[in-house]
Amino acid sequence: MQMNMKKKLWGLLAFSPLVLFLAVVPWMLRWSAGLPASSGIPSVTSAEIRFLVIGNLYVLFVFVCFLIHLNGLKAVENDKKWLWRGLMFFGHVFAFPVYWYFHIWKGNES
């Protein structure tokens, strides 16, 4: 039971950047679509800036957590660890759930 809860918490951590991404992109598109062509840079409230900064810091925290987990795996070869690091760096929002499924949920961790 304890191990299953740990896997679910890692899953929550893995999918949270994707949920955050799916929540922020429509807001950003709506925000940029309402601009006239000659208006230049729109004004952004300080609350919106804080939300974006905190969201980015949270995704950075999740990235570091998954890198620490990946470095502790003995079942993954070093070449594949480098591949996972690259995928997590460039496509972190989509790579975290895939990594979670293959290396945590399926019980491939050591």
C-alpha atoms as a PDB file:
ATOM      1  CA  MET A   1       0.000   0.000   0.000  1.00  0.00           C
ATOM      2  CA  GLN A   2       2.827   2.397   0.852  1.00  0.00           C
ATOM      3  CA  MET A   3       4.568   1.826  -2.493  1.00  0.00           C
ATOM      4  CA  ASN A   4       1.349   2.369  -4.455  1.00  0.00           C
ATOM      5  CA  MET A   5       0.799   5.721  -2.714  1.00  0.00           C
ATOM      6  CA  LYS A   6       4.370   6.742  -3.534  1.00  0.00           C
ATOM      7  CA  LYS A   7       3.789   5.913  -7.198  1.00  0.00           C
ATOM      8  CA  LYS A   8       0.573   7.950  -7.232  1.00  0.00           C
ATOM      9  CA  LEU A   9       2.306  10.946  -5.669  1.00  0.00           C
ATOM     10  CA  TRP A  10       5.038  10.754  -8.301  1.00  0.00           C
ATOM     11  CA  GLY A  11       2.255  10.600 -10.911  1.00  0.00           C
ATOM     12  CA  LEU A  12       0.658  13.722  -9.470  1.00  0.00           C
ATOM     13  CA  LEU A  13       4.030  15.423  -9.662  1.00  0.00           C
ATOM     14  CA  ALA A  14       4.520  14.181 -13.244  1.00  0.00           C
ATOM     15  CA  PHE A  15       1.172  15.362 -14.587  1.00  0.00           C
ATOM     16  CA  SER A  16       0.983  18.701 -12.757  1.00  0.00           C
ATOM     17  CA  PRO A  17       3.207  20.617 -15.251  1.00  0.00           C
ATOM     18  CA  LEU A  18       1.030  19.324 -18.096  1.00  0.00           C
ATOM     19  CA  VAL A  19      -2.128  20.507 -16.323  1.00  0.00           C
ATOM     20  CA  LEU A  20      -0.469  23.854 -15.630  1.00  0.00           C
ATOM     21  CA  PHE A  21       0.563  24.116 -19.286  1.00  0.00           C
ATOM     22  CA  LEU A  22      -2.952  23.309 -20.511  1.00  0.00           C
ATOM     23  CA  ALA A  23      -4.384  25.928 -18.163  1.00  0.00           C
ATOM     24  CA  VAL A  24      -1.941  28.696 -19.092  1.00  0.00           C
ATOM     25  CA  VAL A  25      -1.839  28.346 -22.895  1.00  0.00           C
ATOM     26  CA  PRO A  26      -5.524  29.269 -23.494  1.00  0.00           C
ATOM     27  CA  TRP A  27      -5.122  32.225 -21.149  1.00  0.00           C
ATOM     28  CA  MET A  28      -2.032  33.412 -23.035  1.00  0.00           C
ATOM     29  CA  LEU A  29      -3.757  32.980 -26.411  1.00  0.00           C
ATOM     30  CA  ARG A  30      -6.813  34.900 -25.218  1.00  0.00           C
ATOM     31  CA  TRP A  31      -4.559  37.589 -23.806  1.00  0.00           C
ATOM     32  CA  SER A  32      -2.562  38.020 -27.014  1.00  0.00           C
ATOM     33  CA  ALA A  33      -5.554  37.686 -29.387  1.00  0.00           C
ATOM     34  CA  GLY A  34      -7.275  40.773 -27.998  1.00  0.00           C
ATOM     35  CA  LEU A  35      -4.405  43.095 -28.897  1.00  0.00           C
ATOM     36  CA  PRO A  36      -4.637  45.600 -31.713  1.00  0.00           C
ATOM     37  CA  ALA A  37      -1.773  45.331 -34.192  1.00  0.00           C
ATOM     38  CA  SER A  38      -0.292  48.725 -33.353  1.00  0.00           C
ATOM     39  CA  SER A  39      -0.613  48.533 -29.574  1.00  0.00           C
ATOM     40  CA  GLY A  40       2.835  47.062 -28.950  1.00  0.00           C
ATOM     41  CA  ILE A  41       3.422  45.168 -25.735  1.00  0.00           C
ATOM     42  CA  PRO A  42       0.295  44.857 -23.595  1.00  0.00           C
ATOM     43  CA  SER A  43       0.230  45.761 -19.954  1.00  0.00           C
ATOM     44  CA  VAL A  44       0.427  42.794 -17.638  1.00  0.00           C
ATOM     45  CA  THR A  45      -0.650  42.920 -14.041  1.00  0.00           C
ATOM     46  CA  SER A  46       1.777  42.047 -11.282  1.00  0.00           C
ATOM     47  CA  ALA A  47      -0.451  39.114 -10.276  1.00  0.00           C
ATOM     48  CA  GLU A  48      -0.086  37.603 -13.749  1.00  0.00           C
ATOM     49  CA  ILE A  49       3.682  38.026 -13.633  1.00  0.00           C
ATOM     50  CA  ARG A  50       3.832  36.402 -10.188  1.00  0.00           C
ATOM     51  CA  PHE A  51       1.698  33.502 -11.428  1.00  0.00           C
ATOM     52  CA  LEU A  52       4.008  32.903 -14.391  1.00  0.00           C
ATOM     53  CA  VAL A  53       7.164  33.145 -12.274  1.00  0.00           C
ATOM     54  CA  ILE A  54       5.818  30.805  -9.584  1.00  0.00           C
ATOM     55  CA  GLY A  55       4.614  28.374 -12.257  1.00  0.00           C
ATOM     56  CA  ASN A  56       8.026  28.310 -13.899  1.00  0.00           C
ATOM     57  CA  LEU A  57       9.768  27.823 -10.568  1.00  0.00           C
ATOM     58  CA  TYR A  58       7.405  24.946  -9.792  1.00  0.00           C
ATOM     59  CA  VAL A  59       8.199  23.241 -13.115  1.00  0.00           C
ATOM     60  CA  LEU A  60      11.910  23.726 -12.390  1.00  0.00           C
ATOM     61  CA  PHE A  61      11.376  22.059  -8.994  1.00  0.00           C
ATOM     62  CA  VAL A  62       9.629  19.093 -10.659  1.00  0.00           C
ATOM     63  CA  PHE A  63      12.456  18.881 -13.209  1.00  0.00           C
ATOM     64  CA  VAL A  64      15.062  18.685 -10.438  1.00  0.00           C
ATOM     65  CA  CYS A  65      13.019  16.030  -8.580  1.00  0.00           C
ATOM     66  CA  PHE A  66      12.828  13.852 -11.675  1.00  0.00           C
ATOM     67  CA  LEU A  67      16.547  14.305 -12.397  1.00  0.00           C
ATOM     68  CA  ILE A  68      17.374  13.184  -8.863  1.00  0.00           C
ATOM     69  CA  HIS A  69      15.091  10.165  -9.286  1.00  0.00           C
ATOM     70  CA  LEU A  70      16.656   9.318 -12.645  1.00  0.00           C
ATOM     71  CA  ASN A  71      20.178   9.501 -11.238  1.00  0.00           C
ATOM     72  CA  GLY A  72      19.216   7.035  -8.509  1.00  0.00           C
ATOM     73  CA  LEU A  73      17.917   4.388 -10.929  1.00  0.00           C
ATOM     74  CA  LYS A  74      20.220   1.447 -11.386  1.00  0.00           C
ATOM     75  CA  ALA A  75      17.967  -0.308 -13.911  1.00  0.00           C
ATOM     76  CA  VAL A  76      18.531   2.346 -16.600  1.00  0.00           C
ATOM     77  CA  GLU A  77      21.775   2.360 -18.578  1.00  0.00           C
ATOM     78  CA  ASN A  78      23.887   5.512 -18.619  1.00  0.00           C
ATOM     79  CA  ASP A  79      23.221   6.178 -22.338  1.00  0.00           C
ATOM     80  CA  LYS A  80      19.481   6.063 -21.756  1.00  0.00           C
ATOM     81  CA  LYS A  81      19.837   8.319 -18.734  1.00  0.00           C
ATOM     82  CA  TRP A  82      21.362  10.954 -20.996  1.00  0.00           C
ATOM     83  CA  LEU A  83      18.484  10.515 -23.423  1.00  0.00           C
ATOM     84  CA  TRP A  84      15.961  10.963 -20.603  1.00  0.00           C
ATOM     85  CA  ARG A  85      17.782  14.050 -19.341  1.00  0.00           C
ATOM     86  CA  GLY A  86      17.574  15.588 -22.814  1.00  0.00           C
ATOM     87  CA  LEU A  87      13.919  14.724 -23.207  1.00  0.00           C
ATOM     88  CA  MET A  88      13.128  16.148 -19.786  1.00  0.00           C
ATOM     89  CA  PHE A  89      15.029  19.340 -20.525  1.00  0.00           C
ATOM     90  CA  PHE A  90      13.530  20.045 -23.950  1.00  0.00           C
ATOM     91  CA  GLY A  91      10.081  18.483 -23.585  1.00  0.00           C
ATOM     92  CA  HIS A  92       9.571  18.345 -19.852  1.00  0.00           C
ATOM     93  CA  VAL A  93       5.817  18.878 -19.874  1.00  0.00           C
ATOM     94  CA  PHE A  94       5.295  15.777 -22.011  1.00  0.00           C
ATOM     95  CA  ALA A  95       8.351  13.754 -20.934  1.00  0.00           C
ATOM     96  CA  PHE A  96       7.547  13.672 -17.201  1.00  0.00           C
ATOM     97  CA  PRO A  97       4.339  11.597 -17.598  1.00  0.00           C
ATOM     98  CA  VAL A  98       6.051   9.203 -20.025  1.00  0.00           C
ATOM     99  CA  TYR A  99       9.011   8.770 -17.680  1.00  0.00           C
ATOM    100  CA  TRP A 100       6.658   8.252 -14.744  1.00  0.00           C
ATOM    101  CA  TYR A 101       4.723   5.567 -16.595  1.00  0.00           C
ATOM    102  CA  PHE A 102       7.735   3.576 -17.775  1.00  0.00           C
ATOM    103  CA  HIS A 103      10.070   3.909 -14.793  1.00  0.00           C
ATOM    104  CA  ILE A 104       7.867   4.481 -11.748  1.00  0.00           C
ATOM    105  CA  TRP A 105       4.360   3.159 -12.362  1.00  0.00           C
ATOM    106  CA  LYS A 106       5.475  -0.069 -14.033  1.00  0.00           C
ATOM    107  CA  GLY A 107       7.830  -0.705 -11.122  1.00  0.00           C
ATOM    108  CA  ASN A 108      11.067  -0.450 -13.054  1.00  0.00           C
ATOM    109  CA  GLU A 109      12.854   1.450 -10.301  1.00  0.00           C
ATOM    110  CA  SER A 110      15.583  -0.037  -8.128  1.00  0.00           C
END
